[in-house]
Amino acid sequence: MTSPTVSASGTPSGTPATGKRVLLAAPRGYCAGVDRAVIAVEKALEHYGAPVYVRKEIVHNKYVVETLAARGAVFVDETDEVPEGAHVVFSAHGVSPAVHAQAAARNLQTIDATCPLVTKVHKEAVRFASEDYDILLIGHDGHEEVEGTYGEAPDHIQVVNSPDAVADVVVRDPDRLIWISQTTLSVDETMDTVRRLRERFPNLQDPPSDDICYATQNRQVAVKKLAPECDLVITVGSANSSNSVRLVEVALDAGARTSYRVDMASEIDLAWLDGVTTVGVTSGASVPEILVKDVLALLAEHGFGDVQEVRTATEDLMFSLPRELRADLKAAGKAPAVPRRDGRKSLDVQPA
């Protein structure tokens, strides 16, 4: 399949007018933290050789994980599955101090690919726990990011899963109370949870800066803009990707008639296109652009060749590689890879 090329006017040259169109959200796909984590595994495999172990999925995307596994990455649930002294990469979602301690006890060579924005939330948890605050962590219980943040101060943190869970919150001192959040949540649902918490605890304090990731917010804003014009919105992303699942919900809440999530183009049910004139397309923050291009190509084959980009922000943030990996690459005289999301058609460090 060949993806249509979007012209300046939004209409691919040579595409017959059918009245059908695709509204393509921008920004979409890889965020800076995901790009950094994926490149960390790629460069570790290149520098150290296979196998390189990765605790949990490096990012929540089936295609990315399977592709890296084919190159020699070995994904494990816990550090005790990693041979002593081996290299292990911690995922972008972060880990608790207990996991760091377990790795040290096994003399593992760790590469911490935790997203710097998640690390910021960890530091907030440590700081507020040291000041003896009760900390309300808004997030999904069992999500790896939430487990890592909770592990920073388990005696001070309680997880609030949803607005409906607010009624169950019990605190020691309602005047020493602050909320923080998972970085990949729905902005609207998070603020609804905060509103309900504040109804119960008027002196609830806000974190010093927004915890929800810039990329999560940007992708939701873009979907909100295009959704009211869409009969159908397709989000490319895996089922365990919190931010991808949220995009499906955001599209419906913003006015899309129907909204579905797929891992890849082959999962699209062509019956979804019956009676549809406008399809919105977006992708979660851990999705490589090649998967979006495949979706656009399939849609073009069924009359949706007019692709119009709906851009609400431009992202240029990039994070340096984990310091452990940078140090080893420098010692070997190798220049570190430069993350480049734009034009990235595969999992290779440099765009094809």
Protein backbone atom coordinates (compact mmCIF):
# COMPACT_ATOMS: atom_id res chain seq x y z
CA MET A 1 0.00 0.00 0.00
CA THR A 2 1.16 3.53 -0.78
CA SER A 3 0.15 6.36 1.52
CA PRO A 4 -1.37 9.47 -0.07
CA THR A 5 0.74 12.61 -0.10
CA VAL A 6 -0.83 15.64 1.51
CA SER A 7 -0.53 18.81 -0.55
CA ALA A 8 -0.50 22.32 0.87
CA SER A 9 -4.21 22.54 0.26
CA GLY A 10 -4.77 19.23 2.02
CA THR A 11 -5.69 17.37 -1.18
CA PRO A 12 -3.26 14.82 -2.66
CA SER A 13 -2.46 15.50 -6.29
CA GLY A 14 -4.07 13.02 -8.64
CA THR A 15 -6.66 11.93 -6.05
CA PRO A 16 -10.19 11.95 -7.52
CA ALA A 17 -12.73 14.05 -5.64
CA THR A 18 -15.17 11.76 -3.83
CA GLY A 19 -16.49 14.03 -1.11
CA LYS A 20 -14.78 11.76 1.38
CA ARG A 21 -11.88 13.05 3.44
CA VAL A 22 -9.50 12.32 6.29
CA LEU A 23 -8.74 14.86 8.99
CA LEU A 24 -5.26 13.97 10.26
CA ALA A 25 -4.46 15.18 13.78
CA ALA A 26 -1.22 16.97 14.48
CA PRO A 27 0.59 16.54 16.77
CA ARG A 28 0.29 12.76 16.88
CA GLY A 29 2.56 9.77 17.50
CA TYR A 30 5.92 9.67 19.21
CA CYS A 31 6.57 12.08 22.05
CA ALA A 32 10.05 13.04 23.22
CA GLY A 33 10.05 10.55 26.11
CA VAL A 34 9.05 7.63 23.90
CA ASP A 35 11.56 8.55 21.22
CA ARG A 36 14.30 8.69 23.85
CA ALA A 37 13.36 5.31 25.34
CA VAL A 38 13.16 3.51 21.99
CA ILE A 39 16.47 4.95 20.85
CA ALA A 40 18.02 3.90 24.18
CA VAL A 41 17.16 0.26 23.48
CA GLU A 42 18.32 0.53 19.85
CA LYS A 43 21.66 2.04 20.83
CA ALA A 44 22.13 -0.42 23.71
CA LEU A 45 21.66 -3.33 21.30
CA GLU A 46 24.08 -1.74 18.85
CA HIS A 47 26.72 -0.96 21.48
CA TYR A 48 26.53 -3.92 23.90
CA GLY A 49 25.11 -6.54 21.54
CA ALA A 50 22.12 -8.80 22.12
CA PRO A 51 20.60 -9.69 24.41
CA VAL A 52 19.71 -6.46 26.16
CA TYR A 53 17.03 -6.93 28.80
CA VAL A 54 14.13 -4.52 29.24
CA ARG A 55 11.98 -4.47 32.36
CA LYS A 56 8.34 -4.35 31.23
CA GLU A 57 7.47 -2.98 27.79
CA ILE A 58 9.82 -0.12 26.93
CA VAL A 59 6.73 1.79 25.72
CA HIS A 60 3.14 0.62 25.44
CA ASN A 61 3.06 -0.30 21.78
CA LYS A 62 2.82 -3.84 20.46
CA TYR A 63 4.60 -3.13 17.16
CA VAL A 64 7.52 -1.37 18.83
CA VAL A 65 7.99 -4.14 21.39
CA GLU A 66 7.80 -6.92 18.79
CA THR A 67 10.23 -5.13 16.48
CA LEU A 68 12.77 -4.55 19.24
CA ALA A 69 12.38 -8.15 20.43
CA ALA A 70 13.22 -9.33 16.91
CA ARG A 71 16.45 -7.32 17.14
CA GLY A 72 17.50 -8.98 20.40
CA ALA A 73 15.74 -7.11 23.20
CA VAL A 74 14.42 -9.46 25.89
CA PHE A 75 11.39 -8.15 27.76
CA VAL A 76 10.93 -9.34 31.33
CA ASP A 77 8.45 -8.58 34.09
CA GLU A 78 10.94 -8.23 36.94
CA THR A 79 14.66 -7.84 37.46
CA ASP A 80 15.04 -11.31 39.00
CA GLU A 81 14.53 -12.68 35.47
CA VAL A 82 17.68 -10.89 34.29
CA PRO A 83 21.04 -12.72 34.57
CA GLU A 84 23.36 -11.19 37.15
CA GLY A 85 25.57 -8.49 35.72
CA ALA A 86 23.56 -8.11 32.50
CA HIS A 87 22.37 -4.86 30.95
CA VAL A 88 18.76 -3.94 31.69
CA VAL A 89 16.77 -0.95 30.48
CA PHE A 90 14.03 0.51 32.66
CA SER A 91 10.99 1.55 30.65
CA ALA A 92 9.78 5.07 29.95
CA HIS A 93 7.10 4.65 32.63
CA GLY A 94 9.60 4.68 35.50
CA VAL A 95 10.30 2.35 38.40
CA SER A 96 10.19 2.57 42.18
CA PRO A 97 13.26 2.83 44.44
CA ALA A 98 12.68 -0.82 45.35
CA VAL A 99 13.28 -1.86 41.73
CA HIS A 100 16.51 0.15 41.61
CA ALA A 101 17.61 -1.60 44.81
CA GLN A 102 16.77 -5.05 43.42
CA ALA A 103 18.79 -4.32 40.29
CA ALA A 104 21.76 -3.14 42.34
CA ALA A 105 21.62 -6.30 44.46
CA ARG A 106 22.01 -8.37 41.28
CA ASN A 107 24.82 -6.15 39.93
CA LEU A 108 22.74 -5.31 36.88
CA GLN A 109 24.03 -2.67 34.49
CA THR A 110 21.00 -0.40 34.44
CA ILE A 111 19.96 2.11 31.78
CA ASP A 112 17.16 4.26 33.14
CA ALA A 113 14.94 5.33 30.24
CA THR A 114 12.28 6.84 32.51
CA CYS A 115 10.71 9.82 30.78
CA PRO A 116 12.05 13.02 32.40
CA LEU A 117 8.46 14.22 32.83
CA VAL A 118 7.69 11.11 34.87
CA THR A 119 10.86 11.67 36.89
CA LYS A 120 9.52 15.15 37.68
CA VAL A 121 6.42 13.60 39.25
CA HIS A 122 8.61 11.19 41.25
CA LYS A 123 10.57 14.14 42.64
CA GLU A 124 7.35 15.90 43.58
CA ALA A 125 6.22 12.82 45.49
CA VAL A 126 9.50 12.62 47.40
CA ARG A 127 9.45 16.33 48.21
CA PHE A 128 5.87 16.43 49.49
CA ALA A 129 6.31 13.23 51.48
CA SER A 130 9.36 14.76 53.16
CA GLU A 131 7.12 17.69 54.15
CA ASP A 132 4.59 15.20 55.58
CA TYR A 133 1.79 15.89 53.12
CA ASP A 134 -0.85 13.35 52.23
CA ILE A 135 -0.47 12.91 48.46
CA LEU A 136 -3.41 12.01 46.24
CA LEU A 137 -2.06 10.37 43.09
CA ILE A 138 -4.67 10.60 40.35
CA GLY A 139 -4.05 7.66 38.04
CA HIS A 140 -4.88 4.10 37.13
CA ASP A 141 -4.03 1.58 39.82
CA GLY A 142 -1.78 -1.11 38.35
CA HIS A 143 -0.33 1.07 35.60
CA GLU A 144 3.47 0.88 35.63
CA GLU A 145 3.87 4.63 35.93
CA VAL A 146 1.55 4.77 38.93
CA GLU A 147 3.36 1.86 40.59
CA GLY A 148 6.69 3.64 40.17
CA THR A 149 5.44 6.94 41.57
CA TYR A 150 3.61 5.26 44.45
CA GLY A 151 6.79 3.40 45.35
CA GLU A 152 8.57 6.70 46.02
CA ALA A 153 6.45 7.39 49.12
CA PRO A 154 3.99 4.55 49.83
CA ASP A 155 3.25 5.78 53.35
CA HIS A 156 2.06 9.15 52.06
CA ILE A 157 0.40 8.34 48.73
CA GLN A 158 -3.02 6.99 47.93
CA VAL A 159 -4.17 6.39 44.37
CA VAL A 160 -7.41 7.96 43.16
CA ASN A 161 -8.54 6.03 40.09
CA SER A 162 -11.44 8.17 38.91
CA PRO A 163 -13.87 10.90 39.94
CA ASP A 164 -16.11 8.23 41.45
CA ALA A 165 -13.28 7.10 43.75
CA VAL A 166 -13.13 10.48 45.49
CA ALA A 167 -15.78 9.45 48.02
CA ASP A 168 -13.44 6.75 49.38
CA VAL A 169 -10.48 9.07 50.06
CA VAL A 170 -9.43 9.33 53.71
CA VAL A 171 -6.70 11.78 54.77
CA ARG A 172 -4.92 12.57 58.02
CA ASP A 173 -4.99 16.36 57.76
CA PRO A 174 -7.13 18.06 55.08
CA ASP A 175 -4.94 21.15 55.41
CA ARG A 176 -1.77 19.28 54.37
CA LEU A 177 -3.00 17.69 51.21
CA ILE A 178 -1.77 17.87 47.61
CA TRP A 179 -2.58 16.09 44.37
CA ILE A 180 -0.27 14.84 41.63
CA SER A 181 -1.11 12.74 38.59
CA GLN A 182 -0.12 10.12 36.10
CA THR A 183 1.23 11.88 33.00
CA THR A 184 -0.98 10.17 30.40
CA LEU A 185 -4.50 10.82 31.65
CA SER A 186 -7.48 12.55 30.11
CA VAL A 187 -7.10 16.21 31.02
CA ASP A 188 -10.86 16.65 31.41
CA GLU A 189 -11.35 13.60 33.63
CA THR A 190 -8.37 14.55 35.77
CA MET A 191 -9.73 18.04 36.35
CA ASP A 192 -13.15 16.56 37.15
CA THR A 193 -11.45 14.39 39.78
CA VAL A 194 -9.65 17.44 41.17
CA ARG A 195 -12.91 19.40 41.28
CA ARG A 196 -14.61 16.66 43.27
CA LEU A 197 -11.63 16.34 45.60
CA ARG A 198 -11.70 20.07 46.24
CA GLU A 199 -15.40 19.90 47.07
CA ARG A 200 -14.46 17.51 49.88
CA PHE A 201 -11.13 19.11 50.74
CA PRO A 202 -11.23 22.88 50.01
CA ASN A 203 -7.58 23.36 50.99
CA LEU A 204 -6.29 20.76 48.53
CA GLN A 205 -3.11 22.12 46.96
CA ASP A 206 -2.13 21.91 43.29
CA PRO A 207 1.26 20.57 42.16
CA PRO A 208 3.80 23.31 41.34
CA SER A 209 3.47 22.56 37.61
CA ASP A 210 1.20 20.52 35.38
CA ASP A 211 1.84 16.77 35.68
CA ILE A 212 -0.05 15.67 32.58
CA CYS A 213 2.49 15.41 29.76
CA TYR A 214 2.59 18.15 27.13
CA ALA A 215 2.25 15.49 24.42
CA THR A 216 -0.79 13.91 26.05
CA GLN A 217 -2.46 17.31 26.22
CA ASN A 218 -1.48 18.27 22.66
CA ARG A 219 -2.89 15.07 21.19
CA GLN A 220 -6.14 15.51 23.07
CA VAL A 221 -6.48 19.13 21.94
CA ALA A 222 -5.93 18.14 18.31
CA VAL A 223 -8.58 15.41 18.54
CA LYS A 224 -11.04 17.80 20.17
CA LYS A 225 -10.61 20.16 17.24
CA LEU A 226 -11.29 17.62 14.50
CA ALA A 227 -13.80 15.32 16.25
CA PRO A 228 -16.92 17.51 15.81
CA GLU A 229 -16.53 17.23 12.02
CA CYS A 230 -15.95 13.46 12.03
CA ASP A 231 -18.34 10.58 11.49
CA LEU A 232 -15.54 8.28 12.64
CA VAL A 233 -12.26 8.78 14.50
CA ILE A 234 -9.57 6.08 14.35
CA THR A 235 -6.85 6.17 16.99
CA VAL A 236 -3.75 4.10 16.29
CA GLY A 237 -2.36 2.71 19.54
CA SER A 238 -2.21 -0.37 21.74
CA ALA A 239 -4.83 -1.43 24.27
CA ASN A 240 -2.41 -0.98 27.19
CA SER A 241 -1.50 2.55 26.11
CA SER A 242 -3.32 4.83 28.52
CA ASN A 243 -2.98 7.92 26.36
CA SER A 244 -4.23 6.08 23.25
CA VAL A 245 -7.30 4.76 25.05
CA ARG A 246 -8.01 8.26 26.34
CA LEU A 247 -7.94 9.63 22.77
CA VAL A 248 -10.80 7.30 21.83
CA GLU A 249 -12.85 8.68 24.72
CA VAL A 250 -11.87 12.29 24.01
CA ALA A 251 -13.05 11.97 20.41
CA LEU A 252 -16.47 10.72 21.49
CA ASP A 253 -16.82 13.40 24.16
CA ALA A 254 -15.88 16.06 21.59
CA GLY A 255 -18.61 15.05 19.16
CA ALA A 256 -17.35 12.24 16.93
CA ARG A 257 -20.18 9.90 15.94
CA THR A 258 -18.02 6.80 16.44
CA SER A 259 -14.49 6.25 17.70
CA TYR A 260 -12.26 3.17 17.60
CA ARG A 261 -8.71 2.17 18.49
CA VAL A 262 -6.56 -0.14 16.37
CA ASP A 263 -2.99 -1.38 16.69
CA MET A 264 -2.55 -1.32 12.92
CA ALA A 265 -4.43 -0.90 9.66
CA SER A 266 -5.32 -4.59 9.37
CA GLU A 267 -7.56 -4.26 12.43
CA ILE A 268 -9.86 -1.70 10.79
CA ASP A 269 -13.34 -3.12 10.16
CA LEU A 270 -14.38 -1.81 6.74
CA ALA A 271 -17.98 -1.77 7.96
CA TRP A 272 -16.95 1.24 10.07
CA LEU A 273 -16.70 3.22 6.82
CA ASP A 274 -20.30 2.60 5.74
CA GLY A 275 -22.10 5.92 5.40
CA VAL A 276 -19.01 7.83 6.54
CA THR A 277 -17.85 11.02 4.85
CA THR A 278 -15.17 12.31 7.25
CA VAL A 279 -12.67 10.13 9.13
CA GLY A 280 -10.40 11.55 11.81
CA VAL A 281 -7.05 9.84 12.33
CA THR A 282 -4.65 10.24 15.23
CA SER A 283 -2.13 8.11 17.12
CA GLY A 284 -0.94 7.72 20.68
CA ALA A 285 2.38 8.97 21.97
CA SER A 286 4.10 5.59 21.58
CA VAL A 287 3.09 4.97 17.96
CA PRO A 288 5.63 5.17 15.09
CA GLU A 289 4.42 7.09 12.04
CA ILE A 290 4.68 4.05 9.77
CA LEU A 291 1.53 2.63 11.40
CA VAL A 292 -0.39 5.85 10.69
CA LYS A 293 0.79 5.81 7.07
CA ASP A 294 -0.56 2.28 6.70
CA VAL A 295 -3.95 3.43 8.00
CA LEU A 296 -4.00 6.36 5.57
CA ALA A 297 -3.10 4.04 2.70
CA LEU A 298 -5.96 1.68 3.54
CA LEU A 299 -8.40 4.57 3.79
CA ALA A 300 -7.20 5.93 0.44
CA GLU A 301 -7.94 2.56 -1.18
CA HIS A 302 -11.54 2.98 -0.05
CA GLY A 303 -12.09 6.48 -1.33
CA PHE A 304 -10.62 8.54 1.50
CA GLY A 305 -7.66 9.97 -0.36
CA ASP A 306 -8.22 13.61 0.54
CA VAL A 307 -6.06 14.06 3.66
CA GLN A 308 -6.20 17.37 5.49
CA GLU A 309 -3.92 17.93 8.47
CA VAL A 310 -5.44 19.62 11.51
CA ARG A 311 -2.52 21.10 13.45
CA THR A 312 -3.01 22.65 16.87
CA ALA A 313 0.62 22.72 18.07
CA THR A 314 4.18 22.11 16.93
CA GLU A 315 6.47 20.00 19.10
CA ASP A 316 10.24 20.34 19.05
CA LEU A 317 11.15 19.07 22.53
CA MET A 318 13.86 16.39 22.59
CA PHE A 319 15.52 14.65 25.54
CA SER A 320 19.11 13.44 25.69
CA LEU A 321 19.75 9.72 26.07
CA PRO A 322 19.99 8.16 29.57
CA ARG A 323 23.22 9.25 31.24
CA GLU A 324 24.50 5.67 31.72
CA LEU A 325 24.26 5.01 28.00
CA ARG A 326 25.71 8.40 27.07
CA ALA A 327 28.72 7.73 29.27
CA ASP A 328 29.40 4.33 27.70
CA LEU A 329 28.99 5.67 24.17
CA LYS A 330 31.33 8.56 24.94
CA ALA A 331 33.94 6.22 26.42
CA ALA A 332 33.80 4.16 23.23
CA GLY A 333 34.20 7.26 21.08
CA LYS A 334 30.70 6.97 19.66
CA ALA A 335 28.50 10.00 19.14
CA PRO A 336 25.11 9.68 20.84
CA ALA A 337 22.06 9.35 18.61
CA VAL A 338 19.97 12.44 18.11
CA PRO A 339 16.24 11.79 18.52
CA ARG A 340 14.30 12.81 15.42
CA ARG A 341 10.57 12.20 15.42
CA ASP A 342 9.70 14.10 12.23
CA GLY A 343 9.90 11.87 9.18
CA ARG A 344 10.51 8.77 11.25
CA LYS A 345 9.14 5.93 9.11
CA SER A 346 10.61 3.01 11.00
CA LEU A 347 12.26 2.26 14.31
CA ASP A 348 15.66 3.31 13.02
CA VAL A 349 17.35 6.18 14.84
CA GLN A 350 17.66 8.27 11.69
CA PRO A 351 14.63 8.77 9.43
CA ALA A 352 14.53 6.61 6.33
